[in-house]
Amino acid sequence: MDKEEIVQIARKIGTFETSILPYEDCCTVFTPRHPRLRPLPGEVERAEEALDIETMVKAAVDGIERVQVNL
């Protein structure tokens, strides 16, 4: 779909007005002030080692919400 199709659907299902509210999204909350744009592979691997991937995946799967939209 292109942007106009998505906007039309959002208007139809009643989510468009909410989507254009001027609130900060998570990107601005979690983005560091000075992100490292070209980290070295070792730096990335060390950062990933600190993550509990299994727990994160389980939380994501457990938090799934299914919504049926009838157009």
PDB file of N, CA and C in Angstrom:
ATOM      1  N   MET A   1       0.841  -1.184   0.000  1.00  0.00           N
ATOM      2  CA  MET A   1       0.000   0.000   0.000  1.00  0.00           C
ATOM      3  C   MET A   1       0.884   1.245   0.000  1.00  0.00           C
ATOM      4  N   ASP A   2       0.407   2.297  -0.602  1.00  0.00           N
ATOM      5  CA  ASP A   2       1.125   3.554  -0.517  1.00  0.00           C
ATOM      6  C   ASP A   2       0.543   4.378   0.633  1.00  0.00           C
ATOM      7  N   LYS A   3       1.141   5.536   0.887  1.00  0.00           N
ATOM      8  CA  LYS A   3       0.752   6.341   2.043  1.00  0.00           C
ATOM      9  C   LYS A   3      -0.721   6.744   2.000  1.00  0.00           C
ATOM     10  N   GLU A   4      -1.207   7.145   0.846  1.00  0.00           N
ATOM     11  CA  GLU A   4      -2.604   7.576   0.746  1.00  0.00           C
ATOM     12  C   GLU A   4      -3.576   6.449   1.070  1.00  0.00           C
ATOM     13  N   GLU A   5      -3.258   5.237   0.632  1.00  0.00           N
ATOM     14  CA  GLU A   5      -4.119   4.086   0.949  1.00  0.00           C
ATOM     15  C   GLU A   5      -4.154   3.847   2.454  1.00  0.00           C
ATOM     16  N   ILE A   6      -2.995   3.959   3.086  1.00  0.00           N
ATOM     17  CA  ILE A   6      -2.909   3.755   4.533  1.00  0.00           C
ATOM     18  C   ILE A   6      -3.693   4.837   5.267  1.00  0.00           C
ATOM     19  N   VAL A   7      -3.578   6.081   4.826  1.00  0.00           N
ATOM     20  CA  VAL A   7      -4.319   7.186   5.445  1.00  0.00           C
ATOM     21  C   VAL A   7      -5.816   6.960   5.289  1.00  0.00           C
ATOM     22  N   GLN A   8      -6.257   6.538   4.124  1.00  0.00           N
ATOM     23  CA  GLN A   8      -7.682   6.284   3.905  1.00  0.00           C
ATOM     24  C   GLN A   8      -8.203   5.200   4.842  1.00  0.00           C
ATOM     25  N   ILE A   9      -7.434   4.132   4.991  1.00  0.00           N
ATOM     26  CA  ILE A   9      -7.842   3.050   5.897  1.00  0.00           C
ATOM     27  C   ILE A   9      -7.864   3.557   7.337  1.00  0.00           C
ATOM     28  N   ALA A  10      -6.854   4.330   7.730  1.00  0.00           N
ATOM     29  CA  ALA A  10      -6.807   4.867   9.092  1.00  0.00           C
ATOM     30  C   ALA A  10      -8.029   5.742   9.365  1.00  0.00           C
ATOM     31  N   ARG A  11      -8.414   6.536   8.400  1.00  0.00           N
ATOM     32  CA  ARG A  11      -9.608   7.374   8.577  1.00  0.00           C
ATOM     33  C   ARG A  11     -10.856   6.496   8.719  1.00  0.00           C
ATOM     34  N   LYS A  12     -10.921   5.446   7.901  1.00  0.00           N
ATOM     35  CA  LYS A  12     -12.093   4.569   7.897  1.00  0.00           C
ATOM     36  C   LYS A  12     -12.253   3.819   9.217  1.00  0.00           C
ATOM     37  N   ILE A  13     -11.141   3.378   9.800  1.00  0.00           N
ATOM     38  CA  ILE A  13     -11.229   2.602  11.038  1.00  0.00           C
ATOM     39  C   ILE A  13     -11.104   3.468  12.286  1.00  0.00           C
ATOM     40  N   GLY A  14     -10.946   4.794  12.082  1.00  0.00           N
ATOM     41  CA  GLY A  14     -10.956   5.707  13.217  1.00  0.00           C
ATOM     42  C   GLY A  14      -9.646   5.877  13.963  1.00  0.00           C
ATOM     43  N   THR A  15      -8.518   5.570  13.330  1.00  0.00           N
ATOM     44  CA  THR A  15      -7.235   5.721  14.018  1.00  0.00           C
ATOM     45  C   THR A  15      -6.401   6.891  13.513  1.00  0.00           C
ATOM     46  N   PHE A  16      -6.853   7.554  12.450  1.00  0.00           N
ATOM     47  CA  PHE A  16      -6.040   8.609  11.854  1.00  0.00           C
ATOM     48  C   PHE A  16      -5.790   9.761  12.812  1.00  0.00           C
ATOM     49  N   GLU A  17      -6.836  10.266  13.448  1.00  0.00           N
ATOM     50  CA  GLU A  17      -6.673  11.420  14.335  1.00  0.00           C
ATOM     51  C   GLU A  17      -5.700  11.129  15.476  1.00  0.00           C
ATOM     52  N   THR A  18      -5.766   9.924  16.000  1.00  0.00           N
ATOM     53  CA  THR A  18      -4.835   9.545  17.069  1.00  0.00           C
ATOM     54  C   THR A  18      -3.412   9.492  16.528  1.00  0.00           C
ATOM     55  N   SER A  19      -3.252   9.021  15.314  1.00  0.00           N
ATOM     56  CA  SER A  19      -1.904   8.840  14.754  1.00  0.00           C
ATOM     57  C   SER A  19      -1.189  10.149  14.469  1.00  0.00           C
ATOM     58  N   ILE A  20      -1.911  11.248  14.387  1.00  0.00           N
ATOM     59  CA  ILE A  20      -1.247  12.522  14.086  1.00  0.00           C
ATOM     60  C   ILE A  20      -1.104  13.422  15.313  1.00  0.00           C
ATOM     61  N   LEU A  21      -1.424  12.905  16.494  1.00  0.00           N
ATOM     62  CA  LEU A  21      -1.248  13.689  17.718  1.00  0.00           C
ATOM     63  C   LEU A  21       0.226  14.025  17.909  1.00  0.00           C
ATOM     64  N   PRO A  22       0.538  15.195  18.448  1.00  0.00           N
ATOM     65  CA  PRO A  22       1.926  15.652  18.545  1.00  0.00           C
ATOM     66  C   PRO A  22       2.708  15.104  19.738  1.00  0.00           C
ATOM     67  N   TYR A  23       2.531  13.844  20.063  1.00  0.00           N
ATOM     68  CA  TYR A  23       3.267  13.261  21.179  1.00  0.00           C
ATOM     69  C   TYR A  23       4.554  12.631  20.679  1.00  0.00           C
ATOM     70  N   GLU A  24       5.563  12.607  21.555  1.00  0.00           N
ATOM     71  CA  GLU A  24       6.816  11.953  21.192  1.00  0.00           C
ATOM     72  C   GLU A  24       6.579  10.455  21.116  1.00  0.00           C
ATOM     73  N   ASP A  25       7.251   9.835  20.177  1.00  0.00           N
ATOM     74  CA  ASP A  25       7.149   8.388  20.087  1.00  0.00           C
ATOM     75  C   ASP A  25       8.381   7.764  20.747  1.00  0.00           C
ATOM     76  N   CYS A  26       8.405   6.469  20.782  1.00  0.00           N
ATOM     77  CA  CYS A  26       9.495   5.789  21.486  1.00  0.00           C
ATOM     78  C   CYS A  26      10.847   6.045  20.833  1.00  0.00           C
ATOM     79  N   CYS A  27      10.867   6.365  19.561  1.00  0.00           N
ATOM     80  CA  CYS A  27      12.146   6.614  18.901  1.00  0.00           C
ATOM     81  C   CYS A  27      12.884   7.781  19.553  1.00  0.00           C
ATOM     82  N   THR A  28      12.184   8.853  19.860  1.00  0.00           N
ATOM     83  CA  THR A  28      12.842  10.000  20.473  1.00  0.00           C
ATOM     84  C   THR A  28      13.169   9.750  21.943  1.00  0.00           C
ATOM     85  N   VAL A  29      12.448   8.856  22.581  1.00  0.00           N
ATOM     86  CA  VAL A  29      12.696   8.561  23.990  1.00  0.00           C
ATOM     87  C   VAL A  29      13.938   7.689  24.157  1.00  0.00           C
ATOM     88  N   PHE A  30      14.111   6.697  23.284  1.00  0.00           N
ATOM     89  CA  PHE A  30      15.181   5.730  23.451  1.00  0.00           C
ATOM     90  C   PHE A  30      16.426   5.988  22.612  1.00  0.00           C
ATOM     91  N   THR A  31      16.398   6.966  21.749  1.00  0.00           N
ATOM     92  CA  THR A  31      17.560   7.253  20.915  1.00  0.00           C
ATOM     93  C   THR A  31      18.571   8.062  21.713  1.00  0.00           C
ATOM     94  N   PRO A  32      19.825   7.631  21.722  1.00  0.00           N
ATOM     95  CA  PRO A  32      20.828   8.401  22.449  1.00  0.00           C
ATOM     96  C   PRO A  32      21.072   9.761  21.771  1.00  0.00           C
ATOM     97  N   ARG A  33      21.576  10.700  22.532  1.00  0.00           N
ATOM     98  CA  ARG A  33      21.820  12.031  21.966  1.00  0.00           C
ATOM     99  C   ARG A  33      22.863  11.988  20.852  1.00  0.00           C
ATOM    100  N   HIS A  34      23.858  11.150  21.013  1.00  0.00           N
ATOM    101  CA  HIS A  34      24.932  11.045  20.019  1.00  0.00           C
ATOM    102  C   HIS A  34      25.119   9.566  19.654  1.00  0.00           C
ATOM    103  N   PRO A  35      24.245   9.039  18.797  1.00  0.00           N
ATOM    104  CA  PRO A  35      24.343   7.614  18.461  1.00  0.00           C
ATOM    105  C   PRO A  35      25.606   7.307  17.677  1.00  0.00           C
ATOM    106  N   ARG A  36      26.133   6.136  17.900  1.00  0.00           N
ATOM    107  CA  ARG A  36      27.313   5.665  17.170  1.00  0.00           C
ATOM    108  C   ARG A  36      26.821   5.111  15.845  1.00  0.00           C
ATOM    109  N   LEU A  37      27.189   5.735  14.747  1.00  0.00           N
ATOM    110  CA  LEU A  37      26.667   5.359  13.436  1.00  0.00           C
ATOM    111  C   LEU A  37      27.421   4.207  12.788  1.00  0.00           C
ATOM    112  N   ARG A  38      28.687   4.053  13.130  1.00  0.00           N
ATOM    113  CA  ARG A  38      29.477   2.980  12.512  1.00  0.00           C
ATOM    114  C   ARG A  38      30.272   2.219  13.585  1.00  0.00           C
ATOM    115  N   PRO A  39      29.563   1.465  14.442  1.00  0.00           N
ATOM    116  CA  PRO A  39      30.285   0.723  15.484  1.00  0.00           C
ATOM    117  C   PRO A  39      31.099  -0.414  14.871  1.00  0.00           C
ATOM    118  N   LEU A  40      32.129  -0.790  15.548  1.00  0.00           N
ATOM    119  CA  LEU A  40      32.944  -1.926  15.105  1.00  0.00           C
ATOM    120  C   LEU A  40      32.210  -3.215  15.451  1.00  0.00           C
ATOM    121  N   PRO A  41      32.414  -4.276  14.660  1.00  0.00           N
ATOM    122  CA  PRO A  41      31.703  -5.542  14.925  1.00  0.00           C
ATOM    123  C   PRO A  41      31.854  -6.029  16.365  1.00  0.00           C
ATOM    124  N   GLY A  42      33.013  -5.928  16.943  1.00  0.00           N
ATOM    125  CA  GLY A  42      33.223  -6.377  18.326  1.00  0.00           C
ATOM    126  C   GLY A  42      32.375  -5.591  19.318  1.00  0.00           C
ATOM    127  N   GLU A  43      32.194  -4.305  19.065  1.00  0.00           N
ATOM    128  CA  GLU A  43      31.374  -3.477  19.947  1.00  0.00           C
ATOM    129  C   GLU A  43      29.919  -3.926  19.903  1.00  0.00           C
ATOM    130  N   VAL A  44      29.449  -4.241  18.723  1.00  0.00           N
ATOM    131  CA  VAL A  44      28.063  -4.700  18.568  1.00  0.00           C
ATOM    132  C   VAL A  44      27.878  -6.038  19.276  1.00  0.00           C
ATOM    133  N   GLU A  45      28.805  -6.951  19.087  1.00  0.00           N
ATOM    134  CA  GLU A  45      28.704  -8.265  19.719  1.00  0.00           C
ATOM    135  C   GLU A  45      28.709  -8.139  21.241  1.00  0.00           C
ATOM    136  N   ARG A  46      29.556  -7.279  21.790  1.00  0.00           N
ATOM    137  CA  ARG A  46      29.591  -7.091  23.249  1.00  0.00           C
ATOM    138  C   ARG A  46      28.271  -6.500  23.752  1.00  0.00           C
ATOM    139  N   ALA A  47      27.721  -5.561  23.012  1.00  0.00           N
ATOM    140  CA  ALA A  47      26.443  -4.966  23.420  1.00  0.00           C
ATOM    141  C   ALA A  47      25.330  -6.006  23.373  1.00  0.00           C
ATOM    142  N   GLU A  48      25.339  -6.874  22.366  1.00  0.00           N
ATOM    143  CA  GLU A  48      24.308  -7.903  22.246  1.00  0.00           C
ATOM    144  C   GLU A  48      24.424  -8.956  23.338  1.00  0.00           C
ATOM    145  N   GLU A  49      25.633  -9.217  23.822  1.00  0.00           N
ATOM    146  CA  GLU A  49      25.828 -10.206  24.891  1.00  0.00           C
ATOM    147  C   GLU A  49      25.101  -9.806  26.163  1.00  0.00           C
ATOM    148  N   ALA A  50      24.914  -8.524  26.361  1.00  0.00           N
ATOM    149  CA  ALA A  50      24.249  -8.038  27.575  1.00  0.00           C
ATOM    150  C   ALA A  50      22.735  -8.212  27.509  1.00  0.00           C
ATOM    151  N   LEU A  51      22.212  -8.585  26.345  1.00  0.00           N
ATOM    152  CA  LEU A  51      20.767  -8.715  26.179  1.00  0.00           C
ATOM    153  C   LEU A  51      20.300 -10.124  26.498  1.00  0.00           C
ATOM    154  N   ASP A  52      19.186 -10.238  27.148  1.00  0.00           N
ATOM    155  CA  ASP A  52      18.564 -11.537  27.408  1.00  0.00           C
ATOM    156  C   ASP A  52      17.527 -11.764  26.288  1.00  0.00           C
ATOM    157  N   ILE A  53      18.015 -12.232  25.162  1.00  0.00           N
ATOM    158  CA  ILE A  53      17.191 -12.356  23.958  1.00  0.00           C
ATOM    159  C   ILE A  53      15.981 -13.261  24.191  1.00  0.00           C
ATOM    160  N   GLU A  54      16.185 -14.401  24.841  1.00  0.00           N
ATOM    161  CA  GLU A  54      15.072 -15.333  25.060  1.00  0.00           C
ATOM    162  C   GLU A  54      13.942 -14.670  25.849  1.00  0.00           C
ATOM    163  N   THR A  55      14.289 -13.929  26.890  1.00  0.00           N
ATOM    164  CA  THR A  55      13.276 -13.245  27.689  1.00  0.00           C
ATOM    165  C   THR A  55      12.583 -12.163  26.866  1.00  0.00           C
ATOM    166  N   MET A  56      13.350 -11.454  26.055  1.00  0.00           N
ATOM    167  CA  MET A  56      12.778 -10.393  25.221  1.00  0.00           C
ATOM    168  C   MET A  56      11.807 -10.978  24.190  1.00  0.00           C
ATOM    169  N   VAL A  57      12.182 -12.098  23.578  1.00  0.00           N
ATOM    170  CA  VAL A  57      11.306 -12.739  22.590  1.00  0.00           C
ATOM    171  C   VAL A  57      10.039 -13.248  23.279  1.00  0.00           C
ATOM    172  N   LYS A  58      10.203 -13.862  24.452  1.00  0.00           N
ATOM    173  CA  LYS A  58       9.035 -14.364  25.172  1.00  0.00           C
ATOM    174  C   LYS A  58       8.089 -13.218  25.526  1.00  0.00           C
ATOM    175  N   ALA A  59       8.637 -12.104  25.998  1.00  0.00           N
ATOM    176  CA  ALA A  59       7.805 -10.951  26.348  1.00  0.00           C
ATOM    177  C   ALA A  59       7.080 -10.414  25.115  1.00  0.00           C
ATOM    178  N   ALA A  60       7.764 -10.395  23.983  1.00  0.00           N
ATOM    179  CA  ALA A  60       7.136  -9.910  22.750  1.00  0.00           C
ATOM    180  C   ALA A  60       6.000 -10.832  22.324  1.00  0.00           C
ATOM    181  N   VAL A  61       6.249 -12.135  22.379  1.00  0.00           N
ATOM    182  CA  VAL A  61       5.224 -13.104  21.974  1.00  0.00           C
ATOM    183  C   VAL A  61       4.054 -13.080  22.959  1.00  0.00           C
ATOM    184  N   ASP A  62       4.357 -13.013  24.254  1.00  0.00           N
ATOM    185  CA  ASP A  62       3.286 -12.973  25.263  1.00  0.00           C
ATOM    186  C   ASP A  62       2.447 -11.705  25.145  1.00  0.00           C
ATOM    187  N   GLY A  63       3.042 -10.633  24.615  1.00  0.00           N
ATOM    188  CA  GLY A  63       2.336  -9.367  24.522  1.00  0.00           C
ATOM    189  C   GLY A  63       1.577  -9.155  23.221  1.00  0.00           C
ATOM    190  N   ILE A  64       1.518 -10.189  22.399  1.00  0.00           N
ATOM    191  CA  ILE A  64       0.820 -10.056  21.121  1.00  0.00           C
ATOM    192  C   ILE A  64      -0.658  -9.779  21.360  1.00  0.00           C
ATOM    193  N   GLU A  65      -1.166  -8.813  20.646  1.00  0.00           N
ATOM    194  CA  GLU A  65      -2.591  -8.496  20.702  1.00  0.00           C
ATOM    195  C   GLU A  65      -3.125  -8.598  19.278  1.00  0.00           C
ATOM    196  N   ARG A  66      -4.127  -9.415  19.099  1.00  0.00           N
ATOM    197  CA  ARG A  66      -4.725  -9.566  17.770  1.00  0.00           C
ATOM    198  C   ARG A  66      -5.951  -8.684  17.675  1.00  0.00           C
ATOM    199  N   VAL A  67      -5.999  -7.917  16.606  1.00  0.00           N
ATOM    200  CA  VAL A  67      -7.130  -7.025  16.371  1.00  0.00           C
ATOM    201  C   VAL A  67      -7.642  -7.298  14.972  1.00  0.00           C
ATOM    202  N   GLN A  68      -8.921  -7.580  14.866  1.00  0.00           N
ATOM    203  CA  GLN A  68      -9.518  -7.815  13.566  1.00  0.00           C
ATOM    204  C   GLN A  68     -10.124  -6.513  13.064  1.00  0.00           C
ATOM    205  N   VAL A  69      -9.699  -6.102  11.882  1.00  0.00           N
ATOM    206  CA  VAL A  69     -10.204  -4.885  11.275  1.00  0.00           C
ATOM    207  C   VAL A  69     -11.017  -5.286  10.048  1.00  0.00           C
ATOM    208  N   ASN A  70     -12.267  -4.958  10.064  1.00  0.00           N
ATOM    209  CA  ASN A  70     -13.137  -5.250   8.930  1.00  0.00           C
ATOM    210  C   ASN A  70     -13.304  -4.000   8.091  1.00  0.00           C
ATOM    211  N   LEU A  71     -12.807  -4.069   6.874  1.00  0.00           N
ATOM    212  CA  LEU A  71     -12.907  -2.895   5.984  1.00  0.00           C
ATOM    213  C   LEU A  71     -14.066  -3.030   5.039  1.00  0.00           C
TER     214      LEU A  71
END
